[in-house]
C-alpha atoms as a PDB file:
ATOM      1  CA  MET A   1      57.743 142.562  -2.765  1.00  0.00           C
ATOM      2  CA  SER A   2      56.654 139.140  -3.890  1.00  0.00           C
ATOM      3  CA  THR A   3      53.565 137.303  -2.745  1.00  0.00           C
ATOM      4  CA  THR A   4      53.093 133.559  -2.757  1.00  0.00           C
ATOM      5  CA  GLU A   5      49.759 131.934  -2.151  1.00  0.00           C
ATOM      6  CA  ASN A   6      49.361 128.327  -1.140  1.00  0.00           C
ATOM      7  CA  MET A   7      45.965 126.680  -1.436  1.00  0.00           C
ATOM      8  CA  SER A   8      45.304 123.534   0.559  1.00  0.00           C
ATOM      9  CA  THR A   9      42.228 121.400   0.885  1.00  0.00           C
ATOM     10  CA  ASP A  10      41.423 119.436   4.030  1.00  0.00           C
ATOM     11  CA  VAL A  11      39.386 116.243   4.231  1.00  0.00           C
ATOM     12  CA  SER A  12      36.071 118.086   4.678  1.00  0.00           C
ATOM     13  CA  GLY A  13      36.480 119.895   1.368  1.00  0.00           C
ATOM     14  CA  ALA A  14      37.304 123.215   3.001  1.00  0.00           C
ATOM     15  CA  VAL A  15      39.772 125.312   1.078  1.00  0.00           C
ATOM     16  CA  GLN A  16      42.224 127.353   3.088  1.00  0.00           C
ATOM     17  CA  SER A  17      44.425 130.006   1.596  1.00  0.00           C
ATOM     18  CA  ASP A  18      47.731 130.877   3.127  1.00  0.00           C
ATOM     19  CA  VAL A  19      49.276 134.062   1.812  1.00  0.00           C
ATOM     20  CA  SER A  20      52.884 134.749   2.698  1.00  0.00           C
ATOM     21  CA  HIS A  21      54.769 137.891   1.827  1.00  0.00           C
ATOM     22  CA  ASP A  22      58.468 138.009   1.119  1.00  0.00           C
ATOM     23  CA  ASP A  23      59.708 141.282   2.574  1.00  0.00           C
ATOM     24  CA  SER A  24      63.397 140.732   1.744  1.00  0.00           C
ATOM     25  CA  SER A  25      63.223 142.751  -1.493  1.00  0.00           C
ATOM     26  CA  HIS A  26      61.222 145.459   0.253  1.00  0.00           C
ATOM     27  CA  SER A  27      64.057 146.418   2.590  1.00  0.00           C
ATOM     28  CA  ALA A  28      66.326 147.481  -0.294  1.00  0.00           C
ATOM     29  CA  ALA A  29      64.243 150.531  -1.231  1.00  0.00           C
ATOM     30  CA  PRO A  30      63.168 152.941   1.503  1.00  0.00           C
ATOM     31  CA  GLU A  31      59.464 153.735   1.623  1.00  0.00           C
ATOM     32  CA  ARG A  32      58.387 157.359   1.394  1.00  0.00           C
ATOM     33  CA  ARG A  33      55.623 158.358   3.711  1.00  0.00           C
ATOM     34  CA  SER A  34      53.750 161.590   3.864  1.00  0.00           C
ATOM     35  CA  GLY A  35      53.041 163.034   7.269  1.00  0.00           C
ATOM     36  CA  GLY A  36      55.780 161.038   8.929  1.00  0.00           C
ATOM     37  CA  GLY A  37      53.312 158.617  10.552  1.00  0.00           C
ATOM     38  CA  ALA A  38      53.787 154.869  10.557  1.00  0.00           C
ATOM     39  CA  ARG A  39      51.361 152.892   8.453  1.00  0.00           C
ATOM     40  CA  ARG A  40      49.869 149.861  10.130  1.00  0.00           C
ATOM     41  CA  VAL A  41      48.687 146.923   8.089  1.00  0.00           C
ATOM     42  CA  THR A  42      46.267 144.545   9.736  1.00  0.00           C
ATOM     43  CA  ARG A  43      45.843 141.061   8.405  1.00  0.00           C
ATOM     44  CA  GLU A  44      42.458 139.400   8.228  1.00  0.00           C
ATOM     45  CA  PRO A  45      42.234 135.913   9.702  1.00  0.00           C
ATOM     46  CA  ASP A  46      42.475 133.133   7.171  1.00  0.00           C
ATOM     47  CA  ILE A  47      39.174 132.465   5.442  1.00  0.00           C
ATOM     48  CA  ILE A  48      38.028 128.869   5.297  1.00  0.00           C
ATOM     49  CA  TRP A  49      36.008 128.313   2.125  1.00  0.00           C
ATOM     50  CA  LEU A  50      33.536 125.445   1.809  1.00  0.00           C
ATOM     51  CA  ASN A  51      32.181 124.054  -1.423  1.00  0.00           C
ATOM     52  CA  THR A  52      28.418 123.543  -1.567  1.00  0.00           C
ATOM     53  CA  ASP A  53      28.608 119.816  -0.808  1.00  0.00           C
ATOM     54  CA  SER A  54      30.742 120.388   2.296  1.00  0.00           C
ATOM     55  CA  ALA A  55      28.572 123.279   3.493  1.00  0.00           C
ATOM     56  CA  ALA A  56      25.404 121.220   3.064  1.00  0.00           C
ATOM     57  CA  LEU A  57      27.009 118.280   4.874  1.00  0.00           C
ATOM     58  CA  ARG A  58      28.119 120.562   7.727  1.00  0.00           C
ATOM     59  CA  MET A  59      24.565 121.907   8.043  1.00  0.00           C
ATOM     60  CA  GLY A  60      22.925 118.487   7.745  1.00  0.00           C
ATOM     61  CA  ILE A  61      20.805 119.482   4.736  1.00  0.00           C
ATOM     62  CA  THR A  62      20.688 118.659   1.045  1.00  0.00           C
ATOM     63  CA  THR A  63      22.553 120.698  -1.537  1.00  0.00           C
ATOM     64  CA  ARG A  64      19.233 121.771  -3.012  1.00  0.00           C
ATOM     65  CA  THR A  65      18.127 123.226   0.345  1.00  0.00           C
ATOM     66  CA  LEU A  66      21.491 125.012   0.613  1.00  0.00           C
ATOM     67  CA  TYR A  67      20.929 126.606  -2.807  1.00  0.00           C
ATOM     68  CA  ARG A  68      17.455 127.702  -1.656  1.00  0.00           C
ATOM     69  CA  PHE A  69      18.933 129.385   1.455  1.00  0.00           C
ATOM     70  CA  ILE A  70      21.496 131.128  -0.767  1.00  0.00           C
ATOM     71  CA  ASN A  71      18.844 132.207  -3.288  1.00  0.00           C
ATOM     72  CA  GLU A  72      16.546 133.573  -0.541  1.00  0.00           C
ATOM     73  CA  GLY A  73      19.442 135.592   0.921  1.00  0.00           C
ATOM     74  CA  GLY A  74      19.621 133.702   4.198  1.00  0.00           C
ATOM     75  CA  LEU A  75      23.162 132.452   3.593  1.00  0.00           C
ATOM     76  CA  PRO A  76      25.809 134.565   1.841  1.00  0.00           C
ATOM     77  CA  ALA A  77      27.701 132.794  -0.929  1.00  0.00           C
ATOM     78  CA  TYR A  78      30.323 133.762  -3.483  1.00  0.00           C
ATOM     79  CA  ARG A  79      30.682 132.755  -7.124  1.00  0.00           C
ATOM     80  CA  MET A  80      34.280 132.296  -8.181  1.00  0.00           C
ATOM     81  CA  GLY A  81      34.118 131.541 -11.866  1.00  0.00           C
ATOM     82  CA  ARG A  82      31.810 128.553 -12.202  1.00  0.00           C
ATOM     83  CA  VAL A  83      32.186 127.503  -8.575  1.00  0.00           C
ATOM     84  CA  ILE A  84      30.057 128.617  -5.619  1.00  0.00           C
ATOM     85  CA  ARG A  85      31.837 128.885  -2.285  1.00  0.00           C
ATOM     86  CA  VAL A  86      30.551 129.621   1.214  1.00  0.00           C
ATOM     87  CA  LYS A  87      32.580 130.899   4.150  1.00  0.00           C
ATOM     88  CA  GLN A  88      32.672 128.464   7.041  1.00  0.00           C
ATOM     89  CA  SER A  89      32.132 131.378   9.439  1.00  0.00           C
ATOM     90  CA  ASP A  90      28.924 132.323   7.549  1.00  0.00           C
ATOM     91  CA  VAL A  91      27.685 128.739   7.828  1.00  0.00           C
ATOM     92  CA  ASP A  92      28.390 128.761  11.583  1.00  0.00           C
ATOM     93  CA  VAL A  93      26.535 132.074  12.012  1.00  0.00           C
ATOM     94  CA  PHE A  94      23.585 130.707  10.012  1.00  0.00           C
ATOM     95  CA  ILE A  95      23.480 127.576  12.193  1.00  0.00           C
ATOM     96  CA  ASP A  96      23.568 129.660  15.397  1.00  0.00           C
ATOM     97  CA  ALA A  97      20.807 131.964  14.099  1.00  0.00           C
ATOM     98  CA  SER A  98      18.611 128.944  13.337  1.00  0.00           C
ATOM     99  CA  ARG A  99      18.535 127.800  16.968  1.00  0.00           C
ATOM    100  CA  ILE A 100      15.055 127.192  18.323  1.00  0.00           C
ATOM    101  CA  GLU A 101      14.283 128.890  21.613  1.00  0.00           C
ATOM    102  CA  PRO A 102      12.686 126.666  24.269  1.00  0.00           C
ATOM    103  CA  GLY A 103       8.914 126.989  24.483  1.00  0.00           C
ATOM    104  CA  THR A 104       8.377 128.117  20.882  1.00  0.00           C
ATOM    105  CA  LEU A 105       7.100 124.764  19.598  1.00  0.00           C
ATOM    106  CA  SER A 106       3.919 124.603  21.696  1.00  0.00           C
ATOM    107  CA  HIS A 107       1.812 124.988  18.537  1.00  0.00           C
ATOM    108  CA  LEU A 108       2.981 121.521  17.454  1.00  0.00           C
ATOM    109  CA  TYR A 109       1.549 119.743  20.483  1.00  0.00           C
ATOM    110  CA  PRO A 110      -2.166 118.861  20.775  1.00  0.00           C
ATOM    111  CA  ASP A 111      -4.237 120.405  23.552  1.00  0.00           C
ATOM    112  CA  PRO A 112      -3.964 118.463  26.800  1.00  0.00           C
ATOM    113  CA  ILE A 113      -6.957 116.339  27.772  1.00  0.00           C
ATOM    114  CA  SER A 114      -8.835 118.010  30.650  1.00  0.00           C
ATOM    115  CA  SER A 115      -9.593 114.898  32.719  1.00  0.00           C
ATOM    116  CA  PRO A 116      -9.643 111.245  31.872  1.00  0.00           C
ATOM    117  CA  LYS A 117     -13.080 109.614  31.917  1.00  0.00           C
ATOM    118  CA  THR A 118     -13.789 106.985  34.540  1.00  0.00           C
ATOM    119  CA  ASP A 119     -15.692 103.748  34.012  1.00  0.00           C
ATOM    120  CA  ALA A 120     -18.682 105.184  35.887  1.00  0.00           C
ATOM    121  CA  ASP A 121     -18.901 108.129  33.442  1.00  0.00           C
ATOM    122  CA  THR A 122     -18.746 105.773  30.484  1.00  0.00           C
ATOM    123  CA  ASP A 123     -21.489 103.521  31.916  1.00  0.00           C
ATOM    124  CA  ASP A 124     -23.790 106.516  32.494  1.00  0.00           C
ATOM    125  CA  GLU A 125     -23.379 107.636  28.881  1.00  0.00           C
ATOM    126  CA  LEU A 126     -24.093 104.162  27.563  1.00  0.00           C
ATOM    127  CA  GLU A 127     -27.282 103.805  29.643  1.00  0.00           C
ATOM    128  CA  SER A 128     -28.682 107.119  28.464  1.00  0.00           C
ATOM    129  CA  ASP A 129     -28.040 106.322  24.793  1.00  0.00           C
ATOM    130  CA  THR A 130     -29.272 102.739  24.676  1.00  0.00           C
ATOM    131  CA  SER A 131     -32.016 102.265  27.224  1.00  0.00           C
ATOM    132  CA  PRO A 132     -34.230  99.144  26.827  1.00  0.00           C
ATOM    133  CA  GLN A 133     -37.335 101.296  26.338  1.00  0.00           C
ATOM    134  CA  SER A 134     -35.910 103.160  23.361  1.00  0.00           C
ATOM    135  CA  ALA A 135     -34.495 100.025  21.745  1.00  0.00           C
ATOM    136  CA  MET A 136     -37.762  98.055  21.703  1.00  0.00           C
ATOM    137  CA  PRO A 137     -41.096  99.488  20.534  1.00  0.00           C
ATOM    138  CA  SER A 138     -43.889  99.591  23.072  1.00  0.00           C
ATOM    139  CA  GLN A 139     -46.932  97.305  22.771  1.00  0.00           C
ATOM    140  CA  SER A 140     -49.173 100.197  21.796  1.00  0.00           C
ATOM    141  CA  ASP A 141     -46.835 101.119  18.899  1.00  0.00           C
ATOM    142  CA  VAL A 142     -47.057  97.590  17.518  1.00  0.00           C
ATOM    143  CA  SER A 143     -50.868  97.466  17.647  1.00  0.00           C
ATOM    144  CA  THR A 144     -51.209 100.873  16.013  1.00  0.00           C
ATOM    145  CA  ARG A 145     -48.992  99.855  13.154  1.00  0.00           C
ATOM    146  CA  SER A 146     -50.944  96.666  12.453  1.00  0.00           C
ATOM    147  CA  GLU A 147     -54.274  98.506  12.450  1.00  0.00           C
ATOM    148  CA  ALA A 148     -52.960 101.120  10.091  1.00  0.00           C
ATOM    149  CA  ARG A 149     -52.177  98.528   7.404  1.00  0.00           C
ATOM    150  CA  PRO A 150     -54.923  97.544   5.039  1.00  0.00           C
ATOM    151  CA  ALA A 151     -55.960  93.889   5.021  1.00  0.00           C
ATOM    152  CA  TYR A 152     -55.459  92.117   1.733  1.00  0.00           C
END
């Protein structure tokens, strides 16, 4: 049985492998099976491999952030020689797991203001802080100060 493997790269940088088996030579020799049962071979779906640049672009992050996710164990990656590859399905699972649930960002919003102040409230505060009596000294304060100073 001979196996041929074709590697193709699409425009996004994803690498797809297509493995085809030539069963013509297999039919010449009968296969011996123990137990008489038929053996069933299941084929995994084709894996779409992304390089780190394509994976980062798909996620909308920098390559450095992608490496951090890989290093922290949040995103599985595979080293093939000197090259790091990521499965597109793993990237999609990571994106889905990163979804923010509604109502979880309330800590980012400031507390709501209880009630807006009216002009009447503002005027009352201003009058209590800067009344004419407190701004200007009384006549008795002025006379006491002048008597307390020595005459030269």
